[in-house]
């Protein structure tokens, strides 16, 4: 007797690849940061994500530096990057947002989910949402050292961001949605598009 096949009940956006995707023209935030080749890229990326999620402009510079030092130490990458570089990465992104979306509401680590056509719940957490008038920018932080590194994973990036965009579109049908990847080590933010993205 054949076994019935069903779509999964739940999926993570990071496991969804787009059929096709592309990176747009990078927008410069500043010079790229050099990182020792021996540094563990995943652990360094985790420390970076933690800092961008937890720090806030209301904290003193000393408190932000302490947070950066602590995260680098707990991830075992203290020698790979000066804590001041994490502060600079965040300051650069904040300055860019102030130019392109002045007065915007910025949400960090925001949970999003929606059901696809087969009834599978696609749910995850967006690194950053930026609400500015009728525009919503979805920004994903990645620790690729260059734009070329991001291009190698563009289908994964595009699929993940398209899932978040679809969830936002269900909540705000009239919103103008754009999706971006933030590459702080490369010193750029880059628009990302995917086939089927709203």
Protein backbone atom coordinates (compact mmCIF):
# COMPACT_ATOMS: atom_id res chain seq x y z
CA UNK A 1 0.00 0.00 0.00
CA UNK A 2 1.56 3.34 -1.04
CA UNK A 3 2.39 5.85 1.68
CA UNK A 4 0.66 9.23 1.46
CA UNK A 5 2.91 12.24 1.00
CA UNK A 6 2.15 15.57 2.64
CA UNK A 7 3.83 18.96 2.56
CA UNK A 8 5.73 19.90 5.73
CA UNK A 9 3.73 21.55 8.49
CA UNK A 10 6.41 24.17 9.08
CA UNK A 11 9.49 25.54 7.32
CA UNK A 12 12.15 28.11 8.12
CA UNK A 13 12.63 30.95 5.61
CA UNK A 14 16.37 30.25 5.64
CA UNK A 15 15.67 26.83 4.10
CA UNK A 16 13.69 28.28 1.17
CA UNK A 17 15.67 28.95 -2.00
CA UNK A 18 14.32 31.19 -4.73
CA UNK A 19 14.00 29.89 -8.30
CA UNK A 20 16.01 32.92 -9.36
CA UNK A 21 17.43 35.91 -7.55
CA UNK A 22 19.71 38.85 -8.07
CA UNK A 23 21.66 41.43 -6.13
CA UNK A 24 21.21 45.05 -7.15
CA UNK A 25 23.71 47.89 -7.05
CA UNK A 26 25.58 47.97 -3.71
CA UNK A 27 25.27 51.15 -1.66
CA UNK A 28 28.46 52.03 0.17
CA UNK A 29 28.54 52.45 3.93
CA UNK A 30 32.31 52.94 4.08
CA UNK A 31 35.54 51.04 3.65
CA UNK A 32 35.57 47.26 4.08
CA UNK A 33 36.96 45.83 7.32
CA UNK A 34 39.94 43.49 7.21
CA UNK A 35 39.53 40.33 9.28
CA UNK A 36 42.30 37.77 9.95
CA UNK A 37 41.91 34.74 7.71
CA UNK A 38 42.14 32.41 10.70
CA UNK A 39 39.04 33.90 12.35
CA UNK A 40 36.03 31.55 12.49
CA UNK A 41 33.57 33.24 10.13
CA UNK A 42 30.48 31.62 11.69
CA UNK A 43 31.40 32.59 15.26
CA UNK A 44 32.34 36.10 14.19
CA UNK A 45 29.02 36.34 12.33
CA UNK A 46 27.13 35.19 15.42
CA UNK A 47 28.83 37.86 17.54
CA UNK A 48 28.02 40.49 14.92
CA UNK A 49 24.36 39.43 14.73
CA UNK A 50 24.10 39.49 18.51
CA UNK A 51 25.50 43.01 18.68
CA UNK A 52 23.28 44.42 15.93
CA UNK A 53 20.26 42.85 17.63
CA UNK A 54 21.00 44.00 21.17
CA UNK A 55 22.66 47.41 20.99
CA UNK A 56 20.66 50.62 20.79
CA UNK A 57 21.39 54.32 20.24
CA UNK A 58 20.08 55.02 23.75
CA UNK A 59 23.03 53.14 25.28
CA UNK A 60 26.18 55.05 26.16
CA UNK A 61 29.22 54.41 24.00
CA UNK A 62 30.87 52.70 26.96
CA UNK A 63 27.92 50.34 27.39
CA UNK A 64 27.91 49.56 23.66
CA UNK A 65 31.64 48.81 23.75
CA UNK A 66 31.19 46.55 26.78
CA UNK A 67 28.44 44.70 24.91
CA UNK A 68 30.67 44.29 21.86
CA UNK A 69 33.62 43.06 23.95
CA UNK A 70 31.42 40.59 25.80
CA UNK A 71 29.89 39.13 22.64
CA UNK A 72 33.25 38.72 20.93
CA UNK A 73 34.66 37.04 24.05
CA UNK A 74 31.71 34.69 24.54
CA UNK A 75 31.96 33.58 20.91
CA UNK A 76 35.71 33.01 21.24
CA UNK A 77 36.72 35.60 18.62
CA UNK A 78 38.07 38.42 20.79
CA UNK A 79 41.33 38.65 18.84
CA UNK A 80 39.67 38.68 15.44
CA UNK A 81 38.10 42.13 15.58
CA UNK A 82 38.43 45.29 17.62
CA UNK A 83 35.13 45.84 19.50
CA UNK A 84 35.10 49.40 18.15
CA UNK A 85 34.57 47.95 14.67
CA UNK A 86 31.21 46.50 15.75
CA UNK A 87 30.15 49.93 16.96
CA UNK A 88 31.28 51.46 13.68
CA UNK A 89 29.35 48.86 11.65
CA UNK A 90 26.16 49.69 13.53
CA UNK A 91 26.78 53.45 13.31
CA UNK A 92 27.26 53.20 9.55
CA UNK A 93 23.99 51.33 9.06
CA UNK A 94 22.15 53.80 11.30
CA UNK A 95 23.59 56.74 9.34
CA UNK A 96 22.53 55.17 6.02
CA UNK A 97 18.99 54.59 7.32
CA UNK A 98 18.83 58.21 8.49
CA UNK A 99 19.59 59.27 4.90
CA UNK A 100 17.27 56.90 3.02
CA UNK A 101 14.44 56.67 5.58
CA UNK A 102 14.64 59.64 7.99
CA UNK A 103 12.56 59.20 11.11
CA UNK A 104 11.81 55.57 10.33
CA UNK A 105 10.69 53.06 12.93
CA UNK A 106 13.34 50.34 13.25
CA UNK A 107 12.38 46.88 14.56
CA UNK A 108 15.04 44.28 15.36
CA UNK A 109 14.69 40.49 15.46
CA UNK A 110 11.04 40.68 14.40
CA UNK A 111 9.08 37.39 14.13
CA UNK A 112 7.23 36.89 10.83
CA UNK A 113 5.22 34.02 9.42
CA UNK A 114 2.72 33.13 6.72
CA UNK A 115 1.23 30.03 5.12
CA UNK A 116 2.22 29.10 1.59
CA UNK A 117 -0.11 27.73 -1.09
CA UNK A 118 0.22 24.18 0.31
CA UNK A 119 -0.65 25.22 3.85
CA UNK A 120 2.91 25.05 5.20
CA UNK A 121 3.67 27.65 7.87
CA UNK A 122 6.83 29.49 6.86
CA UNK A 123 7.98 31.28 10.01
CA UNK A 124 11.20 32.92 11.10
CA UNK A 125 12.74 36.09 12.49
CA UNK A 126 13.75 39.05 10.33
CA UNK A 127 16.99 40.71 11.45
CA UNK A 128 15.60 44.20 10.88
CA UNK A 129 12.41 45.84 9.64
CA UNK A 130 12.39 49.53 8.80
CA UNK A 131 8.98 51.23 8.52
CA UNK A 132 8.97 54.58 6.77
CA UNK A 133 5.61 56.01 5.68
CA UNK A 134 4.15 53.31 3.39
CA UNK A 135 7.52 51.67 2.82
CA UNK A 136 8.84 48.62 4.64
CA UNK A 137 12.49 47.67 4.24
CA UNK A 138 13.49 44.15 5.25
CA UNK A 139 17.20 43.93 6.06
CA UNK A 140 19.18 40.75 6.66
CA UNK A 141 22.66 40.95 8.17
CA UNK A 142 25.21 38.59 6.64
CA UNK A 143 28.87 38.11 7.52
CA UNK A 144 30.13 37.61 3.95
CA UNK A 145 33.40 39.47 3.50
CA UNK A 146 32.48 40.65 -0.01
CA UNK A 147 29.57 41.13 -2.40
CA UNK A 148 30.91 38.17 -4.40
CA UNK A 149 30.47 36.03 -1.30
CA UNK A 150 26.82 37.05 -1.10
CA UNK A 151 26.34 36.37 -4.82
CA UNK A 152 27.31 32.74 -4.27
CA UNK A 153 24.34 32.43 -1.88
CA UNK A 154 21.93 34.72 -3.70
CA UNK A 155 19.19 32.10 -4.18
CA UNK A 156 19.14 31.38 -0.45
CA UNK A 157 19.20 35.09 0.40
CA UNK A 158 16.45 35.88 -2.10
CA UNK A 159 14.27 33.00 -0.94
CA UNK A 160 14.56 33.92 2.74
CA UNK A 161 13.84 37.60 2.13
CA UNK A 162 10.94 36.79 -0.21
CA UNK A 163 9.33 34.74 2.59
CA UNK A 164 9.55 37.73 4.92
CA UNK A 165 8.21 40.03 2.19
CA UNK A 166 5.21 37.74 1.61
CA UNK A 167 4.44 37.76 5.34
CA UNK A 168 4.55 41.57 5.43
CA UNK A 169 2.38 41.79 2.31
CA UNK A 170 -0.34 39.74 4.00
CA UNK A 171 -0.32 42.14 6.93
CA UNK A 172 0.08 45.34 4.92
CA UNK A 173 -1.18 44.83 1.34
CA UNK A 174 -0.56 48.45 0.37
CA UNK A 175 3.01 48.61 1.68
CA UNK A 176 5.93 49.20 -0.68
CA UNK A 177 8.32 46.44 0.31
CA UNK A 178 12.02 46.26 -0.45
CA UNK A 179 14.51 43.60 0.63
CA UNK A 180 18.17 44.18 1.43
CA UNK A 181 21.26 42.35 2.60
CA UNK A 182 23.60 44.24 4.94
CA UNK A 183 27.24 43.18 4.56
CA UNK A 184 28.99 45.10 7.35
CA UNK A 185 32.41 43.52 6.75
CA UNK A 186 32.23 44.58 3.10
CA UNK A 187 30.88 48.01 4.05
CA UNK A 188 27.75 47.86 1.86
CA UNK A 189 24.02 47.27 1.80
CA UNK A 190 22.65 45.62 -1.33
CA UNK A 191 19.07 45.33 -2.65
CA UNK A 192 17.96 41.75 -3.27
CA UNK A 193 15.24 40.59 -5.64
CA UNK A 194 13.63 37.18 -6.18
CA UNK A 195 11.27 35.65 -8.70
CA UNK A 196 7.83 35.61 -7.12
CA UNK A 197 8.69 38.28 -4.58
CA UNK A 198 5.85 40.71 -3.88
